[in-house]
Amino acid sequence: MRVSLRQWVPGLLVGALVCAASSMALAQDKDPANGTWKLNVAKSKFSPGPAPKEMTATIESAGAGRHVEVTGSTGDGTPMKWGYSGNYDGKDIRVTGSNPDADLVMLKRLNPTTVRSTYKKDGKRTLVNGVNVSEDGKTLTVAQTGVNAKGQTVKNTLVFDRQ
């Protein structure tokens, strides 16, 4: 029985497309930032202060982006709870909850372990976060710069440990 190349090509193309789609889905599920992260206040630096008393960030894949929930308490003990869900497409995403420095965020994936989050409050850019996961996957570091809603220049380094 003789099989021509024309009979194989459609099957090979379909197989290749299925493999590519599966790889993208698996890669999304394996985002190294996914998980629960607790702020290590001792390793973090805050300018201006004060540092939060505690902060926990939970990150999970959501479609072509991520879902983030942040909880904890500020330096004066005020509870904090905010979050967002959105894609890495550079479009504004609504921030829910109480974040004094942001009502919108825009996400851009820079590489497999790094995401840039640009925050806005009342249409004005406030903070830019470079969020990076360490090679061993145990540490998430946020380099934060900009001007907060109070008009103060911000240069923070937040170090989170995987829980």
N, C-alpha and C. Protein backbone atom coordinates (compact mmCIF):
# COMPACT_ATOMS: atom_id res chain seq x y z
N MET A 1 0.84 -1.17 0.00
CA MET A 1 0.00 0.00 0.00
C MET A 1 0.89 1.23 0.00
N ARG A 2 0.66 2.13 -0.93
CA ARG A 2 1.48 3.31 -1.11
C ARG A 2 0.74 4.54 -0.56
N VAL A 3 1.44 5.32 0.28
CA VAL A 3 0.84 6.53 0.86
C VAL A 3 1.64 7.72 0.34
N SER A 4 0.95 8.72 -0.18
CA SER A 4 1.65 9.88 -0.72
C SER A 4 1.88 10.91 0.38
N LEU A 5 2.82 11.78 0.11
CA LEU A 5 3.16 12.85 1.04
C LEU A 5 1.96 13.77 1.26
N ARG A 6 1.13 13.96 0.24
CA ARG A 6 -0.05 14.81 0.35
C ARG A 6 -1.03 14.29 1.41
N GLN A 7 -1.05 13.00 1.64
CA GLN A 7 -1.95 12.44 2.65
C GLN A 7 -1.39 12.67 4.06
N TRP A 8 -0.10 12.77 4.22
CA TRP A 8 0.54 12.93 5.52
C TRP A 8 0.56 14.38 5.99
N VAL A 9 0.72 15.32 5.08
CA VAL A 9 0.91 16.72 5.46
C VAL A 9 -0.24 17.26 6.31
N PRO A 10 -1.51 17.09 5.94
CA PRO A 10 -2.58 17.63 6.80
C PRO A 10 -2.54 17.06 8.22
N GLY A 11 -2.29 15.76 8.33
CA GLY A 11 -2.21 15.15 9.66
C GLY A 11 -1.05 15.69 10.48
N LEU A 12 0.09 15.90 9.83
CA LEU A 12 1.26 16.45 10.52
C LEU A 12 1.00 17.88 10.97
N LEU A 13 0.34 18.69 10.13
CA LEU A 13 0.04 20.07 10.50
C LEU A 13 -0.91 20.13 11.70
N VAL A 14 -1.93 19.30 11.68
CA VAL A 14 -2.87 19.26 12.80
C VAL A 14 -2.14 18.83 14.08
N GLY A 15 -1.29 17.82 13.97
CA GLY A 15 -0.51 17.36 15.13
C GLY A 15 0.39 18.46 15.68
N ALA A 16 1.04 19.19 14.77
CA ALA A 16 1.93 20.28 15.20
C ALA A 16 1.14 21.38 15.90
N LEU A 17 -0.03 21.73 15.37
CA LEU A 17 -0.86 22.76 15.99
C LEU A 17 -1.35 22.33 17.37
N VAL A 18 -1.74 21.08 17.51
CA VAL A 18 -2.18 20.57 18.81
C VAL A 18 -1.04 20.63 19.82
N CYS A 19 0.16 20.23 19.40
CA CYS A 19 1.33 20.28 20.30
C CYS A 19 1.64 21.71 20.70
N ALA A 20 1.59 22.63 19.75
CA ALA A 20 1.89 24.04 20.06
C ALA A 20 0.87 24.60 21.05
N ALA A 21 -0.41 24.32 20.82
CA ALA A 21 -1.45 24.82 21.73
C ALA A 21 -1.29 24.21 23.12
N SER A 22 -0.97 22.94 23.19
CA SER A 22 -0.77 22.28 24.48
C SER A 22 0.43 22.87 25.21
N SER A 23 1.50 23.15 24.48
CA SER A 23 2.69 23.73 25.09
C SER A 23 2.40 25.10 25.66
N MET A 24 1.62 25.92 24.93
CA MET A 24 1.29 27.25 25.43
C MET A 24 0.44 27.15 26.69
N ALA A 25 -0.51 26.24 26.72
CA ALA A 25 -1.37 26.07 27.90
C ALA A 25 -0.54 25.61 29.09
N LEU A 26 0.36 24.66 28.87
CA LEU A 26 1.21 24.18 29.96
C LEU A 26 2.15 25.27 30.44
N ALA A 27 2.71 26.05 29.52
CA ALA A 27 3.62 27.12 29.91
C ALA A 27 2.89 28.13 30.78
N GLN A 28 1.63 28.43 30.45
CA GLN A 28 0.87 29.38 31.24
C GLN A 28 0.64 28.84 32.65
N ASP A 29 0.30 27.57 32.75
CA ASP A 29 0.07 26.96 34.06
C ASP A 29 1.36 26.90 34.87
N LYS A 30 2.50 26.92 34.21
CA LYS A 30 3.78 26.81 34.91
C LYS A 30 4.44 28.17 35.12
N ASP A 31 3.64 29.23 35.15
CA ASP A 31 4.19 30.56 35.42
C ASP A 31 4.92 30.48 36.76
N PRO A 32 6.21 30.82 36.78
CA PRO A 32 6.97 30.68 38.03
C PRO A 32 6.46 31.59 39.16
N ALA A 33 5.66 32.60 38.82
CA ALA A 33 5.14 33.48 39.87
C ALA A 33 3.88 32.92 40.53
N ASN A 34 3.28 31.90 39.95
CA ASN A 34 2.06 31.34 40.54
C ASN A 34 2.34 30.80 41.94
N GLY A 35 1.44 31.12 42.85
CA GLY A 35 1.58 30.63 44.22
C GLY A 35 1.28 31.71 45.22
N THR A 36 1.60 31.43 46.47
CA THR A 36 1.39 32.37 47.57
C THR A 36 2.74 32.86 48.05
N TRP A 37 2.87 34.18 48.18
CA TRP A 37 4.13 34.83 48.53
C TRP A 37 3.92 35.72 49.75
N LYS A 38 4.84 35.61 50.73
CA LYS A 38 4.75 36.42 51.95
C LYS A 38 5.92 37.41 51.96
N LEU A 39 5.60 38.68 52.24
CA LEU A 39 6.62 39.72 52.28
C LEU A 39 7.62 39.44 53.39
N ASN A 40 8.90 39.48 53.04
CA ASN A 40 9.98 39.38 54.02
C ASN A 40 10.40 40.82 54.32
N VAL A 41 9.81 41.39 55.36
CA VAL A 41 10.02 42.81 55.68
C VAL A 41 11.49 43.08 55.96
N ALA A 42 12.19 42.16 56.60
CA ALA A 42 13.60 42.36 56.96
C ALA A 42 14.49 42.49 55.72
N LYS A 43 14.17 41.81 54.65
CA LYS A 43 14.97 41.86 53.42
C LYS A 43 14.51 42.97 52.47
N SER A 44 13.37 43.57 52.74
CA SER A 44 12.80 44.59 51.87
C SER A 44 13.28 45.98 52.27
N LYS A 45 13.19 46.92 51.32
CA LYS A 45 13.59 48.32 51.58
C LYS A 45 12.47 49.23 51.10
N PHE A 46 12.12 50.22 51.94
CA PHE A 46 11.03 51.12 51.62
C PHE A 46 11.45 52.57 51.75
N SER A 47 11.28 53.32 50.67
CA SER A 47 11.54 54.75 50.67
C SER A 47 10.43 55.40 49.84
N PRO A 48 9.51 56.13 50.43
CA PRO A 48 9.47 56.43 51.86
C PRO A 48 8.85 55.27 52.64
N GLY A 49 9.06 55.28 53.92
CA GLY A 49 8.43 54.29 54.78
C GLY A 49 7.07 54.79 55.20
N PRO A 50 6.47 54.13 56.14
CA PRO A 50 6.94 52.93 56.79
C PRO A 50 6.62 51.68 55.96
N ALA A 51 7.31 50.60 56.27
CA ALA A 51 7.06 49.32 55.63
C ALA A 51 5.72 48.76 56.08
N PRO A 52 5.08 47.96 55.24
CA PRO A 52 3.87 47.28 55.71
C PRO A 52 4.21 46.36 56.88
N LYS A 53 3.27 46.17 57.79
CA LYS A 53 3.50 45.22 58.89
C LYS A 53 3.52 43.81 58.35
N GLU A 54 2.64 43.54 57.36
CA GLU A 54 2.59 42.23 56.71
C GLU A 54 1.92 42.37 55.36
N MET A 55 2.28 41.46 54.45
CA MET A 55 1.68 41.47 53.13
C MET A 55 1.81 40.08 52.52
N THR A 56 0.73 39.59 51.94
CA THR A 56 0.73 38.32 51.25
C THR A 56 0.15 38.54 49.86
N ALA A 57 0.83 38.02 48.85
CA ALA A 57 0.35 38.11 47.47
C ALA A 57 0.09 36.70 46.96
N THR A 58 -1.07 36.51 46.34
CA THR A 58 -1.40 35.23 45.72
C THR A 58 -1.55 35.48 44.23
N ILE A 59 -0.82 34.71 43.44
CA ILE A 59 -0.80 34.88 41.99
C ILE A 59 -1.18 33.55 41.34
N GLU A 60 -2.08 33.63 40.36
CA GLU A 60 -2.45 32.42 39.61
C GLU A 60 -2.72 32.81 38.16
N SER A 61 -2.53 31.85 37.27
CA SER A 61 -2.82 32.08 35.86
C SER A 61 -4.30 32.32 35.67
N ALA A 62 -4.62 33.23 34.75
CA ALA A 62 -6.02 33.52 34.40
C ALA A 62 -6.06 33.84 32.92
N GLY A 63 -6.48 32.87 32.12
CA GLY A 63 -6.52 33.08 30.68
C GLY A 63 -5.13 33.36 30.15
N ALA A 64 -5.00 34.45 29.41
CA ALA A 64 -3.70 34.84 28.84
C ALA A 64 -2.95 35.79 29.78
N GLY A 65 -3.31 35.80 31.06
CA GLY A 65 -2.67 36.70 32.01
C GLY A 65 -2.62 36.10 33.39
N ARG A 66 -2.92 36.94 34.37
CA ARG A 66 -2.87 36.47 35.76
C ARG A 66 -3.93 37.13 36.62
N HIS A 67 -4.20 36.47 37.74
CA HIS A 67 -5.09 36.99 38.78
C HIS A 67 -4.21 37.19 40.01
N VAL A 68 -4.28 38.37 40.61
CA VAL A 68 -3.45 38.71 41.77
C VAL A 68 -4.36 39.20 42.89
N GLU A 69 -4.11 38.69 44.10
CA GLU A 69 -4.79 39.16 45.32
C GLU A 69 -3.71 39.54 46.33
N VAL A 70 -3.82 40.72 46.91
CA VAL A 70 -2.87 41.20 47.92
C VAL A 70 -3.63 41.51 49.19
N THR A 71 -3.14 40.95 50.31
CA THR A 71 -3.75 41.22 51.61
C THR A 71 -2.65 41.54 52.61
N GLY A 72 -3.02 42.17 53.72
CA GLY A 72 -2.05 42.46 54.76
C GLY A 72 -2.46 43.66 55.57
N SER A 73 -1.46 44.34 56.14
CA SER A 73 -1.73 45.56 56.89
C SER A 73 -0.58 46.54 56.66
N THR A 74 -0.94 47.81 56.56
CA THR A 74 0.03 48.86 56.31
C THR A 74 0.88 49.11 57.57
N GLY A 75 1.83 50.01 57.46
CA GLY A 75 2.70 50.33 58.58
C GLY A 75 1.96 50.83 59.81
N ASP A 76 0.81 51.49 59.60
CA ASP A 76 0.04 51.97 60.75
C ASP A 76 -1.04 50.98 61.18
N GLY A 77 -1.04 49.77 60.57
CA GLY A 77 -1.97 48.73 60.97
C GLY A 77 -3.27 48.70 60.19
N THR A 78 -3.47 49.62 59.25
CA THR A 78 -4.68 49.63 58.43
C THR A 78 -4.71 48.40 57.54
N PRO A 79 -5.83 47.66 57.54
CA PRO A 79 -5.91 46.47 56.67
C PRO A 79 -5.83 46.86 55.20
N MET A 80 -5.20 45.99 54.41
CA MET A 80 -5.17 46.21 52.96
C MET A 80 -5.68 44.94 52.28
N LYS A 81 -6.44 45.18 51.23
CA LYS A 81 -6.93 44.06 50.42
C LYS A 81 -7.28 44.62 49.05
N TRP A 82 -6.57 44.15 48.03
CA TRP A 82 -6.83 44.60 46.67
C TRP A 82 -6.35 43.53 45.69
N GLY A 83 -6.72 43.70 44.43
CA GLY A 83 -6.30 42.72 43.44
C GLY A 83 -6.74 43.12 42.04
N TYR A 84 -6.46 42.24 41.09
CA TYR A 84 -6.85 42.46 39.70
C TYR A 84 -6.73 41.14 38.94
N SER A 85 -7.39 41.09 37.78
CA SER A 85 -7.28 39.97 36.85
C SER A 85 -7.16 40.57 35.46
N GLY A 86 -6.13 40.18 34.71
CA GLY A 86 -5.99 40.71 33.36
C GLY A 86 -4.88 40.05 32.58
N ASN A 87 -4.79 40.44 31.33
CA ASN A 87 -3.83 39.86 30.39
C ASN A 87 -2.58 40.72 30.28
N TYR A 88 -1.56 40.15 29.64
CA TYR A 88 -0.29 40.83 29.41
C TYR A 88 -0.33 41.59 28.09
N ASP A 89 -1.41 42.30 27.83
CA ASP A 89 -1.60 42.92 26.52
C ASP A 89 -1.42 44.44 26.53
N GLY A 90 -1.00 45.00 27.64
CA GLY A 90 -0.77 46.44 27.70
C GLY A 90 -2.04 47.28 27.85
N LYS A 91 -3.18 46.63 28.09
CA LYS A 91 -4.43 47.36 28.27
C LYS A 91 -4.70 47.56 29.76
N ASP A 92 -5.39 48.66 30.08
CA ASP A 92 -5.72 48.96 31.47
C ASP A 92 -6.65 47.91 32.06
N ILE A 93 -6.36 47.54 33.31
CA ILE A 93 -7.13 46.55 34.06
C ILE A 93 -7.59 47.24 35.34
N ARG A 94 -8.84 47.07 35.70
CA ARG A 94 -9.39 47.66 36.92
C ARG A 94 -8.79 46.99 38.16
N VAL A 95 -8.30 47.79 39.10
CA VAL A 95 -7.83 47.29 40.40
C VAL A 95 -9.02 47.34 41.34
N THR A 96 -9.30 46.22 42.00
CA THR A 96 -10.42 46.17 42.94
C THR A 96 -9.90 46.27 44.36
N GLY A 97 -10.75 46.66 45.29
CA GLY A 97 -10.35 46.76 46.68
C GLY A 97 -9.76 48.12 46.98
N SER A 98 -8.94 48.17 48.02
CA SER A 98 -8.41 49.46 48.49
C SER A 98 -6.90 49.54 48.29
N ASN A 99 -6.50 50.08 47.15
CA ASN A 99 -5.10 50.37 46.89
C ASN A 99 -5.00 51.89 46.74
N PRO A 100 -4.38 52.59 47.68
CA PRO A 100 -4.38 54.06 47.63
C PRO A 100 -3.62 54.63 46.43
N ASP A 101 -2.75 53.83 45.82
CA ASP A 101 -1.93 54.33 44.72
C ASP A 101 -2.41 53.90 43.34
N ALA A 102 -3.49 53.13 43.25
CA ALA A 102 -3.89 52.62 41.94
C ALA A 102 -5.36 52.27 41.85
N ASP A 103 -5.94 52.63 40.71
CA ASP A 103 -7.26 52.11 40.36
C ASP A 103 -7.20 51.35 39.04
N LEU A 104 -6.05 51.44 38.35
CA LEU A 104 -5.81 50.70 37.11
C LEU A 104 -4.39 50.14 37.11
N VAL A 105 -4.20 49.03 36.41
CA VAL A 105 -2.87 48.46 36.22
C VAL A 105 -2.78 47.94 34.79
N MET A 106 -1.59 48.00 34.21
CA MET A 106 -1.33 47.46 32.90
C MET A 106 -0.18 46.47 33.03
N LEU A 107 -0.32 45.28 32.43
CA LEU A 107 0.69 44.23 32.55
C LEU A 107 1.41 44.00 31.23
N LYS A 108 2.72 43.75 31.34
CA LYS A 108 3.50 43.36 30.18
C LYS A 108 4.52 42.32 30.63
N ARG A 109 4.50 41.15 29.98
CA ARG A 109 5.49 40.11 30.29
C ARG A 109 6.76 40.44 29.53
N LEU A 110 7.88 40.56 30.25
CA LEU A 110 9.16 40.88 29.63
C LEU A 110 9.93 39.63 29.24
N ASN A 111 9.82 38.59 30.06
CA ASN A 111 10.43 37.28 29.78
C ASN A 111 9.72 36.27 30.68
N PRO A 112 10.06 34.99 30.62
CA PRO A 112 9.31 34.00 31.40
C PRO A 112 9.27 34.24 32.92
N THR A 113 10.26 34.96 33.47
CA THR A 113 10.28 35.17 34.92
C THR A 113 10.03 36.61 35.34
N THR A 114 9.77 37.51 34.38
CA THR A 114 9.66 38.93 34.71
C THR A 114 8.43 39.57 34.07
N VAL A 115 7.69 40.34 34.89
CA VAL A 115 6.52 41.07 34.43
C VAL A 115 6.66 42.52 34.89
N ARG A 116 6.26 43.45 34.02
CA ARG A 116 6.20 44.86 34.40
C ARG A 116 4.75 45.22 34.64
N SER A 117 4.46 45.80 35.81
CA SER A 117 3.11 46.26 36.16
C SER A 117 3.17 47.77 36.28
N THR A 118 2.39 48.47 35.48
CA THR A 118 2.34 49.93 35.53
C THR A 118 0.99 50.33 36.10
N TYR A 119 1.02 51.06 37.22
CA TYR A 119 -0.19 51.45 37.93
C TYR A 119 -0.55 52.90 37.64
N LYS A 120 -1.87 53.18 37.67
CA LYS A 120 -2.39 54.53 37.49
C LYS A 120 -3.44 54.81 38.57
N LYS A 121 -3.53 56.06 38.93
CA LYS A 121 -4.58 56.52 39.86
C LYS A 121 -5.20 57.75 39.24
N ASP A 122 -6.52 57.74 39.05
CA ASP A 122 -7.25 58.85 38.44
C ASP A 122 -6.64 59.25 37.09
N GLY A 123 -6.23 58.26 36.31
CA GLY A 123 -5.70 58.48 34.97
C GLY A 123 -4.23 58.87 34.91
N LYS A 124 -3.57 59.03 36.05
CA LYS A 124 -2.18 59.46 36.09
C LYS A 124 -1.29 58.30 36.55
N ARG A 125 -0.19 58.05 35.82
CA ARG A 125 0.71 56.97 36.21
C ARG A 125 1.32 57.27 37.58
N THR A 126 1.31 56.25 38.43
CA THR A 126 1.87 56.39 39.77
C THR A 126 3.12 55.54 39.92
N LEU A 127 2.95 54.23 39.96
CA LEU A 127 4.06 53.33 40.24
C LEU A 127 4.29 52.34 39.11
N VAL A 128 5.56 51.95 38.93
CA VAL A 128 5.92 50.90 37.99
C VAL A 128 6.65 49.83 38.78
N ASN A 129 6.18 48.60 38.66
CA ASN A 129 6.78 47.47 39.36
C ASN A 129 7.45 46.55 38.36
N GLY A 130 8.69 46.20 38.61
CA GLY A 130 9.36 45.11 37.90
C GLY A 130 9.27 43.91 38.82
N VAL A 131 8.52 42.89 38.42
CA VAL A 131 8.27 41.72 39.27
C VAL A 131 9.06 40.55 38.70
N ASN A 132 10.00 40.01 39.49
CA ASN A 132 10.88 38.95 39.00
C ASN A 132 10.93 37.79 39.98
N VAL A 133 10.89 36.57 39.42
CA VAL A 133 11.01 35.36 40.23
C VAL A 133 12.44 34.83 40.09
N SER A 134 13.06 34.47 41.21
CA SER A 134 14.43 33.97 41.20
C SER A 134 14.54 32.65 40.44
N GLU A 135 15.76 32.30 40.04
CA GLU A 135 16.00 31.05 39.30
C GLU A 135 15.50 29.83 40.05
N ASP A 136 15.70 29.81 41.37
CA ASP A 136 15.27 28.65 42.16
C ASP A 136 13.77 28.67 42.48
N GLY A 137 13.07 29.76 42.10
CA GLY A 137 11.63 29.83 42.29
C GLY A 137 11.18 30.09 43.72
N LYS A 138 12.12 30.42 44.61
CA LYS A 138 11.77 30.60 46.02
C LYS A 138 11.55 32.05 46.43
N THR A 139 12.00 32.99 45.58
CA THR A 139 11.93 34.40 45.93
C THR A 139 11.30 35.20 44.79
N LEU A 140 10.40 36.10 45.15
CA LEU A 140 9.81 37.02 44.20
C LEU A 140 10.22 38.41 44.64
N THR A 141 10.84 39.17 43.74
CA THR A 141 11.32 40.51 44.07
C THR A 141 10.56 41.53 43.23
N VAL A 142 10.10 42.58 43.88
CA VAL A 142 9.40 43.67 43.21
C VAL A 142 10.23 44.93 43.37
N ALA A 143 10.74 45.45 42.24
CA ALA A 143 11.45 46.74 42.23
C ALA A 143 10.40 47.78 41.85
N GLN A 144 10.10 48.69 42.78
CA GLN A 144 8.98 49.62 42.61
C GLN A 144 9.50 51.05 42.59
N THR A 145 9.14 51.79 41.54
CA THR A 145 9.55 53.19 41.43
C THR A 145 8.36 54.04 40.97
N GLY A 146 8.46 55.33 41.20
CA GLY A 146 7.42 56.25 40.73
C GLY A 146 7.09 57.28 41.79
N VAL A 147 5.87 57.79 41.69
CA VAL A 147 5.36 58.78 42.64
C VAL A 147 4.01 58.27 43.14
N ASN A 148 3.88 58.13 44.45
CA ASN A 148 2.63 57.59 45.00
C ASN A 148 1.52 58.64 44.97
N ALA A 149 0.33 58.26 45.39
CA ALA A 149 -0.83 59.15 45.35
C ALA A 149 -0.65 60.37 46.26
N LYS A 150 0.26 60.29 47.23
CA LYS A 150 0.53 61.43 48.12
C LYS A 150 1.55 62.39 47.51
N GLY A 151 2.09 62.05 46.32
CA GLY A 151 3.08 62.90 45.67
C GLY A 151 4.51 62.61 46.10
N GLN A 152 4.73 61.54 46.87
CA GLN A 152 6.06 61.19 47.35
C GLN A 152 6.78 60.30 46.33
N THR A 153 8.07 60.58 46.12
CA THR A 153 8.88 59.73 45.26
C THR A 153 9.08 58.38 45.95
N VAL A 154 8.86 57.32 45.20
CA VAL A 154 8.91 55.96 45.74
C VAL A 154 10.06 55.20 45.09
N LYS A 155 10.85 54.55 45.92
CA LYS A 155 11.88 53.63 45.44
C LYS A 155 11.95 52.49 46.46
N ASN A 156 11.14 51.45 46.19
CA ASN A 156 11.02 50.33 47.11
C ASN A 156 11.56 49.06 46.47
N THR A 157 12.05 48.16 47.32
CA THR A 157 12.38 46.80 46.90
C THR A 157 11.65 45.88 47.86
N LEU A 158 10.66 45.16 47.34
CA LEU A 158 9.89 44.23 48.15
C LEU A 158 10.37 42.83 47.85
N VAL A 159 10.73 42.09 48.87
CA VAL A 159 11.21 40.72 48.72
C VAL A 159 10.19 39.78 49.36
N PHE A 160 9.68 38.86 48.55
CA PHE A 160 8.68 37.90 49.01
C PHE A 160 9.25 36.49 48.99
N ASP A 161 8.88 35.71 49.99
CA ASP A 161 9.27 34.29 50.06
C ASP A 161 8.08 33.44 49.69
N ARG A 162 8.36 32.38 48.89
CA ARG A 162 7.29 31.45 48.51
C ARG A 162 6.81 30.69 49.74
N GLN A 163 5.51 30.53 49.85
CA GLN A 163 4.91 29.80 50.98
C GLN A 163 4.58 28.38 50.57
